[in-house]
N, C-alpha and C. Protein backbone atom coordinates (compact mmCIF):
# COMPACT_ATOMS: atom_id res chain seq x y z
N MET A 1 45.42 12.06 9.41
CA MET A 1 44.87 12.88 8.92
C MET A 1 44.83 13.76 10.20
N SER A 2 45.15 15.41 10.04
CA SER A 2 45.64 16.43 10.77
C SER A 2 44.42 16.92 11.85
N ILE A 3 44.70 17.23 12.56
CA ILE A 3 43.53 17.81 13.85
C ILE A 3 42.71 18.70 13.21
N THR A 4 43.27 19.83 12.21
CA THR A 4 42.12 20.83 11.39
C THR A 4 41.32 19.69 10.72
N SER A 5 41.90 18.90 9.92
CA SER A 5 40.99 18.11 8.95
C SER A 5 39.65 17.75 9.87
N VAL A 6 40.13 16.72 10.81
CA VAL A 6 39.06 16.04 11.58
C VAL A 6 37.95 17.33 12.02
N ALA A 7 38.47 18.35 12.74
CA ALA A 7 37.83 19.49 13.19
C ALA A 7 36.65 19.83 11.69
N VAL A 8 37.11 20.07 10.59
CA VAL A 8 36.67 20.55 9.50
C VAL A 8 35.16 19.36 9.50
N THR A 9 35.85 18.17 9.55
CA THR A 9 34.95 17.06 8.93
C THR A 9 33.71 17.03 9.97
N GLN A 10 34.32 17.44 11.27
CA GLN A 10 33.06 17.35 12.60
C GLN A 10 32.12 18.41 12.33
N ALA A 11 32.61 19.50 11.78
CA ALA A 11 31.77 20.35 11.69
C ALA A 11 30.88 20.30 10.53
N ALA A 12 31.26 19.77 9.40
CA ALA A 12 30.39 19.58 8.31
C ALA A 12 29.39 18.58 8.50
N GLN A 13 29.67 17.66 9.41
CA GLN A 13 28.46 16.44 9.65
C GLN A 13 27.80 17.30 10.77
N SER A 14 27.99 18.06 11.37
CA SER A 14 27.21 18.82 12.63
C SER A 14 26.09 19.74 11.60
N LEU A 15 26.69 20.14 10.60
CA LEU A 15 25.74 21.23 9.95
C LEU A 15 24.87 20.29 9.07
N LEU A 16 25.20 19.13 8.49
CA LEU A 16 24.40 17.98 7.62
C LEU A 16 23.26 17.78 8.75
N ALA A 17 23.58 17.64 10.09
CA ALA A 17 22.78 16.96 10.93
C ALA A 17 21.69 17.84 11.23
N ASP A 18 22.26 19.22 11.43
CA ASP A 18 21.29 20.40 11.96
C ASP A 18 20.74 20.83 10.65
N ALA A 19 20.90 20.54 9.38
CA ALA A 19 20.01 20.65 8.24
C ALA A 19 18.85 19.63 8.06
N SER A 20 19.47 18.35 8.34
CA SER A 20 18.22 17.30 8.10
C SER A 20 17.25 17.23 9.40
N LEU A 21 17.66 17.95 10.55
CA LEU A 21 16.81 18.14 11.59
C LEU A 21 15.91 19.32 11.40
N ARG A 22 16.27 20.64 10.85
CA ARG A 22 15.45 21.59 10.12
C ARG A 22 14.63 21.35 9.28
N SER A 23 14.90 20.16 8.37
CA SER A 23 13.78 19.98 7.38
C SER A 23 12.86 19.04 8.20
N ILE A 24 13.07 18.18 8.94
CA ILE A 24 12.24 17.34 9.78
C ILE A 24 11.10 18.39 10.57
N GLN A 25 11.84 19.35 11.24
CA GLN A 25 11.06 20.43 12.17
C GLN A 25 9.98 21.02 11.46
N SER A 26 10.46 21.17 10.16
CA SER A 26 9.72 21.96 9.03
C SER A 26 8.58 21.06 8.55
N GLU A 27 8.77 19.93 8.62
CA GLU A 27 7.58 18.84 7.94
C GLU A 27 6.70 18.87 9.19
N ILE A 28 7.25 18.80 10.50
CA ILE A 28 6.19 18.64 11.84
C ILE A 28 5.40 19.81 11.84
N GLU A 29 5.79 21.27 11.54
CA GLU A 29 5.30 22.26 11.51
C GLU A 29 4.29 22.50 10.52
N LYS A 30 4.46 21.89 9.38
CA LYS A 30 3.78 22.08 8.05
C LYS A 30 2.30 21.13 8.38
N ARG A 31 2.76 20.03 8.78
CA ARG A 31 1.57 19.02 8.87
C ARG A 31 0.92 19.10 10.50
N HIS A 32 1.40 20.13 11.24
CA HIS A 32 0.61 19.96 12.63
C HIS A 32 -0.80 20.20 12.50
N ASP A 33 -1.41 21.10 11.85
CA ASP A 33 -2.97 20.92 11.97
C ASP A 33 -3.79 19.90 11.69
N GLU A 34 -3.32 19.30 10.51
CA GLU A 34 -3.83 18.28 10.14
C GLU A 34 -3.68 16.84 10.82
N SER A 35 -2.55 16.68 11.58
CA SER A 35 -2.08 15.85 12.40
C SER A 35 -3.04 15.85 13.61
N VAL A 36 -3.30 17.23 14.04
CA VAL A 36 -4.36 17.34 15.25
C VAL A 36 -5.67 16.89 14.69
N GLU A 37 -5.95 17.30 13.47
CA GLU A 37 -7.39 17.10 13.25
C GLU A 37 -7.49 15.55 13.43
N ARG A 38 -6.55 14.71 12.43
CA ARG A 38 -6.48 13.46 12.59
C ARG A 38 -6.70 12.78 14.08
N LEU A 39 -6.11 13.22 15.26
CA LEU A 39 -6.44 12.67 16.55
C LEU A 39 -7.38 13.23 16.88
N GLN A 40 -7.96 14.18 16.88
CA GLN A 40 -9.41 14.52 17.32
C GLN A 40 -10.34 13.67 16.77
N GLU A 41 -10.30 13.39 15.43
CA GLU A 41 -11.31 12.51 14.62
C GLU A 41 -11.10 11.10 15.47
N TRP A 42 -10.15 10.76 15.60
CA TRP A 42 -9.97 9.46 16.29
C TRP A 42 -10.45 9.18 17.56
N VAL A 43 -10.20 10.21 18.46
CA VAL A 43 -10.80 10.38 19.87
C VAL A 43 -12.29 10.62 19.82
N LYS A 44 -12.60 11.43 18.62
CA LYS A 44 -14.46 11.38 18.66
C LYS A 44 -15.07 9.94 18.05
N HIS A 45 -14.24 8.93 17.82
CA HIS A 45 -14.98 7.49 17.44
C HIS A 45 -13.99 6.43 18.04
N PRO A 46 -14.28 6.24 19.56
CA PRO A 46 -13.71 5.06 20.19
C PRO A 46 -14.09 3.72 19.80
N ALA A 47 -12.92 2.81 20.00
CA ALA A 47 -13.58 1.50 19.61
C ALA A 47 -12.69 0.85 20.58
N LEU A 48 -14.09 0.20 21.72
CA LEU A 48 -13.60 -0.40 22.61
C LEU A 48 -13.89 -2.03 22.61
N ALA A 49 -13.04 -2.95 22.61
CA ALA A 49 -13.36 -4.21 22.37
C ALA A 49 -13.73 -4.85 23.57
N ALA A 50 -13.87 -4.49 24.84
CA ALA A 50 -14.19 -5.04 25.83
C ALA A 50 -15.65 -4.61 26.30
N GLU A 51 -16.15 -3.69 25.27
CA GLU A 51 -17.61 -3.45 25.32
C GLU A 51 -18.28 -3.48 24.02
N ASP A 52 -17.52 -3.85 23.27
CA ASP A 52 -18.01 -4.69 21.65
C ASP A 52 -18.65 -3.28 21.19
N ARG A 53 -18.12 -2.31 21.42
CA ARG A 53 -18.26 -1.04 20.82
C ARG A 53 -17.74 -0.25 19.77
N GLY A 54 -18.20 0.18 18.74
CA GLY A 54 -17.52 0.67 17.55
C GLY A 54 -16.25 -0.04 16.64
N MET A 55 -16.33 -1.18 17.01
CA MET A 55 -15.14 -1.95 16.40
C MET A 55 -15.31 -2.04 14.92
N ASP A 56 -16.46 -1.96 14.37
CA ASP A 56 -16.24 -1.88 12.61
C ASP A 56 -16.00 -0.60 12.12
N GLU A 57 -16.77 0.44 12.94
CA GLU A 57 -16.15 1.73 12.40
C GLU A 57 -14.81 2.11 12.98
N GLY A 58 -14.02 1.64 13.53
CA GLY A 58 -13.00 1.78 14.25
C GLY A 58 -11.88 1.28 13.01
N CYS A 59 -12.17 0.16 12.87
CA CYS A 59 -11.44 -0.82 11.79
C CYS A 59 -11.42 0.14 10.47
N ASP A 60 -12.89 0.54 10.10
CA ASP A 60 -12.91 1.48 9.03
C ASP A 60 -11.66 2.78 8.84
N LEU A 61 -12.05 3.11 10.18
CA LEU A 61 -11.34 4.47 10.35
C LEU A 61 -9.67 4.39 10.32
N MET A 62 -9.30 3.00 10.69
CA MET A 62 -7.79 3.03 11.08
C MET A 62 -7.44 2.54 9.63
N MET A 63 -8.06 1.76 8.80
CA MET A 63 -7.95 1.77 7.26
C MET A 63 -7.83 3.03 6.47
N ARG A 64 -8.77 3.66 6.83
CA ARG A 64 -8.62 5.02 5.91
C ARG A 64 -7.48 5.84 6.55
N MET A 65 -7.13 6.17 7.81
CA MET A 65 -6.07 6.84 8.52
C MET A 65 -4.84 6.26 7.76
N ALA A 66 -4.76 4.85 7.78
CA ALA A 66 -3.19 4.42 7.06
C ALA A 66 -3.49 4.86 5.70
N ARG A 67 -4.15 4.67 4.90
CA ARG A 67 -3.87 5.14 3.52
C ARG A 67 -3.74 6.55 3.20
N ASP A 68 -4.21 7.39 4.15
CA ASP A 68 -3.96 8.93 4.24
C ASP A 68 -2.44 9.07 4.60
N ALA A 69 -2.00 8.03 5.77
CA ALA A 69 -0.48 8.22 5.86
C ALA A 69 0.58 7.64 5.18
N GLY A 70 0.03 7.11 3.74
CA GLY A 70 0.94 6.49 2.71
C GLY A 70 0.87 5.31 2.52
N PHE A 71 0.08 4.33 3.37
CA PHE A 71 0.30 3.15 3.15
C PHE A 71 -0.14 2.63 1.97
N GLN A 72 0.17 1.69 1.20
CA GLN A 72 -0.11 1.62 -0.10
C GLN A 72 -1.58 0.22 -0.15
N LYS A 73 -1.53 -0.27 1.12
CA LYS A 73 -2.72 -1.09 1.09
C LYS A 73 -2.95 -1.20 2.46
N ALA A 74 -4.44 -1.39 2.64
CA ALA A 74 -4.76 -1.51 4.24
C ALA A 74 -5.77 -2.18 4.05
N THR A 75 -5.98 -3.44 4.86
CA THR A 75 -7.17 -4.54 4.51
C THR A 75 -7.62 -4.67 5.98
N ARG A 76 -8.46 -5.21 5.78
CA ARG A 76 -9.30 -5.54 7.08
C ARG A 76 -9.55 -7.16 7.13
N ILE A 77 -8.92 -7.29 8.47
CA ILE A 77 -8.58 -9.02 8.57
C ILE A 77 -9.74 -9.58 9.78
N GLU A 78 -10.48 -10.62 9.06
CA GLU A 78 -11.74 -11.26 10.05
C GLU A 78 -10.91 -12.09 10.73
N THR A 79 -11.61 -12.14 12.38
CA THR A 79 -10.93 -13.28 13.20
C THR A 79 -12.15 -13.49 14.04
N ASP A 80 -11.87 -14.63 14.67
CA ASP A 80 -12.74 -15.30 15.59
C ASP A 80 -13.44 -13.98 16.37
N GLY A 81 -12.87 -13.13 16.72
CA GLY A 81 -13.29 -11.99 17.75
C GLY A 81 -13.54 -10.64 16.67
N HIS A 82 -12.84 -9.33 17.26
CA HIS A 82 -13.17 -8.24 16.43
C HIS A 82 -12.13 -8.27 15.26
N PRO A 83 -12.47 -7.45 14.04
CA PRO A 83 -11.70 -7.27 13.18
C PRO A 83 -10.30 -6.64 13.42
N GLY A 84 -9.14 -6.94 12.49
CA GLY A 84 -8.06 -6.21 12.84
C GLY A 84 -7.68 -5.41 11.18
N VAL A 85 -6.50 -5.00 11.31
CA VAL A 85 -6.10 -4.24 9.93
C VAL A 85 -4.86 -4.76 9.82
N PHE A 86 -4.56 -4.84 8.73
CA PHE A 86 -3.16 -5.36 8.04
C PHE A 86 -2.77 -4.30 7.13
N ALA A 87 -1.75 -3.38 7.07
CA ALA A 87 -1.66 -2.53 6.03
C ALA A 87 0.21 -2.65 6.19
N THR A 88 0.42 -2.41 4.72
CA THR A 88 1.81 -2.50 4.42
C THR A 88 2.39 -1.11 3.34
N LEU A 89 3.57 -0.78 3.90
CA LEU A 89 3.98 0.33 3.22
C LEU A 89 5.49 0.01 2.65
N ASP A 90 5.35 0.49 1.19
CA ASP A 90 6.84 0.24 0.64
C ASP A 90 7.49 1.45 0.57
N ALA A 91 8.57 1.89 1.48
CA ALA A 91 9.00 2.87 1.43
C ALA A 91 10.67 3.19 0.71
N GLY A 92 10.56 2.32 -0.19
CA GLY A 92 11.73 2.12 -1.23
C GLY A 92 12.85 1.62 -0.88
N ALA A 93 12.68 0.49 0.33
CA ALA A 93 14.02 0.14 1.11
C ALA A 93 14.19 -1.00 0.08
N PRO A 94 15.56 -1.35 -0.31
CA PRO A 94 16.39 -2.54 -1.12
C PRO A 94 15.50 -3.66 -0.58
N LYS A 95 14.96 -4.44 -1.87
CA LYS A 95 14.33 -5.46 -1.66
C LYS A 95 15.29 -6.68 -1.74
N THR A 96 15.45 -7.57 -0.92
CA THR A 96 15.85 -8.90 -0.60
C THR A 96 15.36 -10.12 -1.36
N VAL A 97 15.90 -10.86 -2.31
CA VAL A 97 15.63 -11.59 -3.08
C VAL A 97 16.14 -12.74 -3.33
N ALA A 98 15.43 -13.87 -3.74
CA ALA A 98 16.30 -15.10 -3.93
C ALA A 98 16.29 -15.65 -5.51
N LEU A 99 17.16 -16.03 -6.14
CA LEU A 99 17.39 -16.66 -7.29
C LEU A 99 16.85 -18.08 -7.55
N TYR A 100 16.19 -18.33 -8.36
CA TYR A 100 15.50 -19.67 -8.59
C TYR A 100 16.11 -20.27 -9.99
N LEU A 101 16.97 -21.04 -10.32
CA LEU A 101 17.68 -21.50 -11.66
C LEU A 101 17.23 -22.93 -11.61
N ARG A 102 16.82 -23.11 -12.67
CA ARG A 102 16.63 -24.58 -13.11
C ARG A 102 16.94 -24.95 -14.97
N VAL A 103 17.47 -26.06 -14.90
CA VAL A 103 17.40 -26.64 -16.23
C VAL A 103 16.75 -28.50 -16.01
N SER A 104 16.05 -28.55 -17.16
CA SER A 104 15.52 -30.06 -16.76
C SER A 104 16.33 -30.92 -17.89
N THR A 105 17.22 -30.71 -18.98
CA THR A 105 17.91 -31.55 -19.67
C THR A 105 19.36 -31.11 -20.16
N GLY A 106 20.19 -32.00 -20.51
CA GLY A 106 21.56 -31.55 -20.68
C GLY A 106 21.83 -30.75 -21.58
N ARG A 107 20.79 -30.59 -22.59
CA ARG A 107 20.63 -29.89 -23.95
C ARG A 107 20.53 -28.13 -23.43
N GLN A 108 19.61 -28.22 -22.16
CA GLN A 108 19.26 -26.75 -21.80
C GLN A 108 20.64 -26.46 -20.83
N ALA A 109 21.40 -27.32 -20.39
CA ALA A 109 22.50 -27.04 -19.81
C ALA A 109 23.64 -26.72 -20.16
N GLU A 110 23.70 -26.84 -21.57
CA GLU A 110 24.68 -26.51 -22.66
C GLU A 110 24.20 -25.17 -23.27
N SER A 111 23.04 -24.73 -23.39
CA SER A 111 22.67 -23.75 -23.91
C SER A 111 22.57 -22.58 -23.43
N ASP A 112 21.53 -21.41 -23.87
CA ASP A 112 21.74 -20.25 -23.18
C ASP A 112 20.70 -20.41 -22.04
N LEU A 113 20.10 -21.29 -21.63
CA LEU A 113 19.49 -21.66 -20.43
C LEU A 113 20.27 -22.07 -19.24
N SER A 114 21.61 -22.20 -19.61
CA SER A 114 22.51 -23.01 -18.58
C SER A 114 22.19 -22.08 -17.44
N ILE A 115 22.64 -22.95 -16.22
CA ILE A 115 22.65 -22.37 -14.76
C ILE A 115 23.52 -21.32 -14.65
N PRO A 116 24.68 -21.14 -15.05
CA PRO A 116 25.79 -19.90 -15.02
C PRO A 116 25.14 -18.74 -15.76
N ASP A 117 24.56 -19.02 -17.26
CA ASP A 117 23.81 -17.90 -17.78
C ASP A 117 22.78 -17.39 -17.05
N GLN A 118 21.69 -18.08 -16.65
CA GLN A 118 21.01 -17.82 -15.89
C GLN A 118 21.03 -17.02 -14.44
N ARG A 119 22.10 -17.36 -13.91
CA ARG A 119 22.68 -16.61 -12.86
C ARG A 119 23.30 -15.53 -13.12
N ARG A 120 24.05 -15.36 -14.64
CA ARG A 120 24.68 -14.31 -14.65
C ARG A 120 23.65 -13.02 -15.11
N GLN A 121 22.52 -13.44 -15.86
CA GLN A 121 21.61 -12.62 -16.12
C GLN A 121 20.64 -12.13 -15.07
N ILE A 122 20.21 -13.25 -14.52
CA ILE A 122 19.62 -12.59 -13.19
C ILE A 122 20.39 -11.52 -12.28
N THR A 123 21.38 -11.88 -11.88
CA THR A 123 22.31 -11.02 -11.03
C THR A 123 22.63 -10.02 -11.69
N SER A 124 22.87 -9.64 -12.63
CA SER A 124 22.98 -8.38 -13.32
C SER A 124 21.57 -7.56 -13.32
N TYR A 125 20.39 -8.28 -13.57
CA TYR A 125 18.95 -7.40 -13.21
C TYR A 125 18.90 -6.96 -12.08
N CYS A 126 19.36 -7.85 -11.00
CA CYS A 126 19.12 -7.53 -9.59
C CYS A 126 20.21 -6.36 -9.14
N LEU A 127 21.20 -6.26 -9.55
CA LEU A 127 22.24 -5.47 -9.37
C LEU A 127 21.64 -4.09 -10.14
N ALA A 128 21.17 -4.06 -11.22
CA ALA A 128 20.78 -2.85 -11.74
C ALA A 128 19.71 -2.17 -10.92
N LYS A 129 19.01 -3.07 -10.17
CA LYS A 129 18.10 -2.41 -9.40
C LYS A 129 17.88 -2.04 -7.94
N GLY A 130 19.36 -2.67 -7.49
CA GLY A 130 19.75 -2.45 -6.52
C GLY A 130 19.00 -3.37 -5.14
N TRP A 131 18.97 -4.64 -5.81
CA TRP A 131 18.41 -5.57 -4.85
C TRP A 131 19.58 -6.35 -4.35
N ASP A 132 19.15 -6.84 -3.30
CA ASP A 132 20.32 -7.82 -2.41
C ASP A 132 19.83 -9.01 -2.32
N VAL A 133 20.86 -9.78 -3.03
CA VAL A 133 20.30 -11.43 -3.00
C VAL A 133 20.74 -12.08 -1.89
N ALA A 134 19.75 -12.66 -1.74
CA ALA A 134 20.13 -13.59 0.13
C ALA A 134 20.09 -14.77 0.12
N ALA A 135 19.53 -15.35 -1.22
CA ALA A 135 19.60 -17.00 -1.40
C ALA A 135 19.77 -17.26 -2.85
N GLU A 136 20.16 -18.33 -3.01
CA GLU A 136 20.03 -18.75 -4.36
C GLU A 136 19.67 -20.45 -4.34
N PHE A 137 18.72 -21.10 -5.24
CA PHE A 137 18.04 -22.41 -5.32
C PHE A 137 18.47 -22.42 -6.45
N VAL A 138 19.04 -23.97 -6.82
CA VAL A 138 19.53 -24.54 -8.01
C VAL A 138 19.09 -25.97 -8.22
N GLU A 139 18.37 -26.04 -9.59
CA GLU A 139 17.46 -27.21 -9.64
C GLU A 139 18.40 -27.57 -10.60
N PRO A 140 19.41 -28.65 -10.93
CA PRO A 140 20.13 -28.92 -12.08
C PRO A 140 19.87 -29.76 -13.14
N GLY A 141 18.67 -30.48 -12.69
CA GLY A 141 17.68 -30.90 -13.78
C GLY A 141 16.52 -31.72 -13.40
N ASN A 142 15.54 -31.13 -13.20
CA ASN A 142 14.43 -31.35 -12.95
C ASN A 142 13.21 -30.83 -13.80
N THR A 143 12.16 -31.40 -14.05
CA THR A 143 11.13 -30.51 -15.04
C THR A 143 10.29 -29.79 -13.94
N ALA A 144 9.59 -28.74 -14.42
CA ALA A 144 8.75 -28.16 -13.80
C ALA A 144 7.22 -28.23 -14.03
N THR A 145 6.92 -29.54 -14.72
CA THR A 145 5.66 -29.89 -14.82
C THR A 145 4.86 -30.08 -13.36
N ASP A 146 5.85 -30.37 -12.65
CA ASP A 146 5.11 -30.62 -10.80
C ASP A 146 5.85 -29.90 -10.20
N ASP A 147 5.63 -30.37 -8.66
CA ASP A 147 6.45 -29.26 -7.62
C ASP A 147 7.04 -30.61 -6.84
N ARG A 148 7.52 -31.56 -7.34
CA ARG A 148 8.63 -32.42 -6.53
C ARG A 148 9.90 -32.42 -7.21
N ARG A 149 10.09 -31.34 -6.75
CA ARG A 149 11.79 -30.53 -6.58
C ARG A 149 12.23 -30.07 -5.35
N PRO A 150 13.33 -30.69 -5.25
CA PRO A 150 13.98 -30.38 -3.89
C PRO A 150 14.33 -28.90 -3.46
N ALA A 151 14.81 -28.14 -4.57
CA ALA A 151 15.30 -27.08 -4.31
C ALA A 151 13.95 -26.14 -4.34
N PHE A 152 12.88 -26.58 -5.36
CA PHE A 152 11.89 -25.81 -5.46
C PHE A 152 11.03 -25.69 -3.94
N GLN A 153 11.00 -26.84 -3.50
CA GLN A 153 10.37 -27.11 -2.31
C GLN A 153 10.87 -26.25 -1.08
N ALA A 154 12.28 -26.19 -1.17
CA ALA A 154 13.10 -25.77 -0.17
C ALA A 154 13.13 -24.11 -0.05
N MET A 155 12.90 -23.64 -1.11
CA MET A 155 12.69 -22.10 -1.65
C MET A 155 11.16 -21.55 -1.42
N ILE A 156 10.05 -22.43 -1.40
CA ILE A 156 8.79 -22.37 -0.92
C ILE A 156 8.82 -22.12 0.60
N ASP A 157 9.58 -23.14 1.10
CA ASP A 157 9.35 -23.34 2.41
C ASP A 157 10.14 -21.84 3.00
N ALA A 158 11.28 -21.49 2.93
CA ALA A 158 11.94 -20.28 3.40
C ALA A 158 11.07 -19.15 3.11
N ALA A 159 10.40 -19.07 2.05
CA ALA A 159 9.62 -17.96 1.42
C ALA A 159 8.30 -18.01 2.29
N LEU A 160 7.84 -18.93 2.89
CA LEU A 160 6.47 -18.87 3.65
C LEU A 160 6.96 -18.92 5.11
N VAL A 161 8.26 -18.79 5.70
CA VAL A 161 8.06 -18.65 7.08
C VAL A 161 7.61 -17.06 7.38
N LYS A 162 7.42 -16.67 8.71
CA LYS A 162 6.94 -15.31 8.94
C LYS A 162 7.91 -14.77 10.04
N PRO A 163 8.54 -13.71 9.45
CA PRO A 163 8.58 -13.09 8.33
C PRO A 163 9.24 -13.86 7.31
N PRO A 164 9.19 -13.81 5.89
CA PRO A 164 9.95 -14.54 4.91
C PRO A 164 11.23 -14.11 4.99
N THR A 165 12.12 -15.01 4.43
CA THR A 165 13.45 -14.83 4.46
C THR A 165 14.07 -13.82 3.40
N PHE A 166 13.13 -13.91 2.15
CA PHE A 166 12.99 -12.60 1.28
C PHE A 166 12.01 -12.41 0.82
N THR A 167 11.85 -11.30 -0.08
CA THR A 167 10.59 -10.77 -0.63
C THR A 167 10.19 -10.92 -1.58
N VAL A 168 11.37 -11.35 -2.92
CA VAL A 168 11.05 -11.32 -4.29
C VAL A 168 11.72 -12.83 -4.55
N ILE A 169 11.20 -13.41 -5.53
CA ILE A 169 11.83 -14.42 -6.34
C ILE A 169 12.24 -14.22 -7.70
N VAL A 170 13.49 -14.35 -8.11
CA VAL A 170 13.63 -13.75 -9.48
C VAL A 170 13.85 -15.10 -10.17
N VAL A 171 13.20 -15.24 -11.51
CA VAL A 171 13.50 -16.33 -12.28
C VAL A 171 14.07 -15.96 -13.86
N HIS A 172 14.64 -16.69 -14.51
CA HIS A 172 14.88 -16.06 -16.10
C HIS A 172 13.81 -16.11 -16.74
N SER A 173 12.85 -17.07 -16.60
CA SER A 173 11.59 -16.98 -17.34
C SER A 173 10.36 -18.09 -16.27
N PHE A 174 9.20 -17.32 -16.71
CA PHE A 174 8.21 -18.25 -15.78
C PHE A 174 7.96 -19.74 -15.87
N SER A 175 8.64 -20.01 -17.34
CA SER A 175 8.62 -21.63 -17.15
C SER A 175 9.86 -22.30 -16.26
N ARG A 176 10.68 -21.57 -15.88
CA ARG A 176 11.72 -22.12 -14.90
C ARG A 176 10.85 -22.37 -13.43
N PHE A 177 10.02 -21.49 -13.17
CA PHE A 177 9.18 -21.89 -11.96
C PHE A 177 8.32 -22.87 -12.04
N PHE A 178 7.33 -22.73 -13.18
CA PHE A 178 6.38 -23.83 -13.64
C PHE A 178 6.09 -23.75 -15.08
N ARG A 179 5.63 -24.85 -15.04
CA ARG A 179 5.01 -24.99 -16.64
C ARG A 179 3.67 -25.31 -16.78
N ASP A 180 3.15 -25.58 -15.75
CA ASP A 180 2.15 -26.04 -15.50
C ASP A 180 1.13 -24.56 -15.07
N GLN A 181 0.19 -24.15 -15.90
CA GLN A 181 0.00 -22.79 -15.58
C GLN A 181 -1.17 -22.75 -14.22
N PHE A 182 -2.00 -23.58 -13.91
CA PHE A 182 -2.76 -23.98 -12.88
C PHE A 182 -1.70 -24.02 -11.63
N GLN A 183 -0.76 -24.78 -11.36
CA GLN A 183 0.21 -24.86 -10.61
C GLN A 183 0.94 -23.30 -9.96
N PHE A 184 1.26 -23.05 -11.32
CA PHE A 184 1.75 -21.61 -11.35
C PHE A 184 1.37 -20.64 -10.67
N GLU A 185 -0.16 -20.82 -10.87
CA GLU A 185 -1.16 -19.50 -10.36
C GLU A 185 -1.16 -19.92 -8.74
N PHE A 186 -1.34 -21.16 -8.28
CA PHE A 186 -1.57 -21.60 -7.06
C PHE A 186 -0.44 -21.03 -6.19
N TYR A 187 0.85 -21.46 -6.91
CA TYR A 187 1.88 -20.90 -5.98
C TYR A 187 2.22 -19.75 -5.90
N VAL A 188 1.95 -19.00 -7.05
CA VAL A 188 2.20 -17.29 -6.94
C VAL A 188 1.36 -16.81 -5.77
N ARG A 189 0.22 -16.97 -5.83
CA ARG A 189 -1.04 -16.73 -5.04
C ARG A 189 -0.57 -16.94 -3.46
N LYS A 190 0.09 -18.22 -3.48
CA LYS A 190 0.19 -18.64 -1.99
C LYS A 190 1.48 -17.58 -1.50
N LEU A 191 2.47 -17.55 -2.42
CA LEU A 191 3.36 -16.89 -1.83
C LEU A 191 3.18 -15.35 -1.60
N ALA A 192 2.27 -15.04 -2.45
CA ALA A 192 1.88 -13.25 -2.33
C ALA A 192 1.15 -13.19 -0.87
N LYS A 193 0.35 -14.38 -0.58
CA LYS A 193 -0.17 -13.87 0.95
C LYS A 193 0.78 -13.89 1.89
N ASN A 194 2.02 -14.31 1.57
CA ASN A 194 2.84 -13.87 2.89
C ASN A 194 3.88 -12.75 2.17
N GLY A 195 3.36 -12.00 1.44
CA GLY A 195 4.25 -10.65 0.66
C GLY A 195 5.38 -11.05 -0.04
N VAL A 196 5.51 -12.43 -0.85
CA VAL A 196 6.48 -12.56 -1.62
C VAL A 196 6.05 -12.35 -3.00
N ARG A 197 6.79 -11.78 -3.93
CA ARG A 197 6.41 -11.95 -5.27
C ARG A 197 7.71 -12.81 -6.01
N LEU A 198 6.79 -12.78 -7.14
CA LEU A 198 7.62 -13.67 -8.33
C LEU A 198 7.94 -12.84 -9.45
N ILE A 199 8.96 -12.71 -10.13
CA ILE A 199 9.37 -11.83 -11.22
C ILE A 199 10.31 -12.50 -11.94
N SER A 200 10.13 -12.46 -13.15
CA SER A 200 10.64 -13.11 -14.63
C SER A 200 11.65 -12.01 -15.35
N ILE A 201 13.10 -12.15 -15.81
CA ILE A 201 13.42 -11.07 -16.09
C ILE A 201 13.09 -11.17 -17.71
N ARG A 202 12.54 -12.18 -17.86
CA ARG A 202 11.89 -12.55 -19.64
C ARG A 202 10.61 -11.94 -19.61
N ARG A 203 9.66 -12.12 -18.55
CA ARG A 203 8.20 -11.80 -18.67
C ARG A 203 7.63 -12.56 -20.07
N THR A 204 7.99 -13.87 -19.93
CA THR A 204 7.03 -14.50 -20.87
C THR A 204 5.76 -14.96 -20.93
N TRP A 205 5.40 -14.61 -19.56
CA TRP A 205 3.80 -14.67 -19.30
C TRP A 205 3.58 -13.12 -18.28
N ALA A 206 2.27 -13.04 -18.09
CA ALA A 206 1.77 -11.64 -17.45
C ALA A 206 2.28 -11.88 -16.15
N THR A 207 3.02 -11.14 -15.28
CA THR A 207 3.24 -10.86 -14.18
C THR A 207 2.00 -11.21 -12.87
N ILE A 208 2.11 -11.96 -12.09
CA ILE A 208 0.79 -12.15 -11.22
C ILE A 208 1.52 -11.76 -9.71
N ARG A 209 0.66 -10.74 -9.24
CA ARG A 209 1.39 -10.51 -7.99
C ARG A 209 0.01 -10.93 -6.79
């Protein structure tokens, strides 16, 4: 690359950076008044744990402000002491997923439910959505009527650490995950409490979040 090309490239990058900063500055100026009002409201409602003062009101205010700021979910968390707030914001970042592939019989392994076919279809689904595959759990010959499956348990353990190793588990169909409806819902809700969703590319049952 010539000296001239380098100079042009650097100049272009500088202009892009300036344009990006200008858009940020514009947004700051546009939201200045509402930001000041928000701070003033916060100052007018002190929450002092040491004095056991205004904690419930402060919790409610924090949840409302989190929602106003764009958080999709803000929940009050009860503790042995004062309440806290847990809020989540999905800013559109790529999701990190795990694949769960299972067959229970030789007949399935040779049909369109084979492990390679499940992997191919699920991987294509994830690529189309721009999701990153972080892990793959393969169950080559176990029924889904109970949870006594080594790969299944390894996947659940990885999903329940804090923070979880991945945020989405993708299966070919929900029957690959569990055939027992009660156990299915038990594990889906357990995963959801740690911020992990289960998605089927076939959607044979209604998605539970």
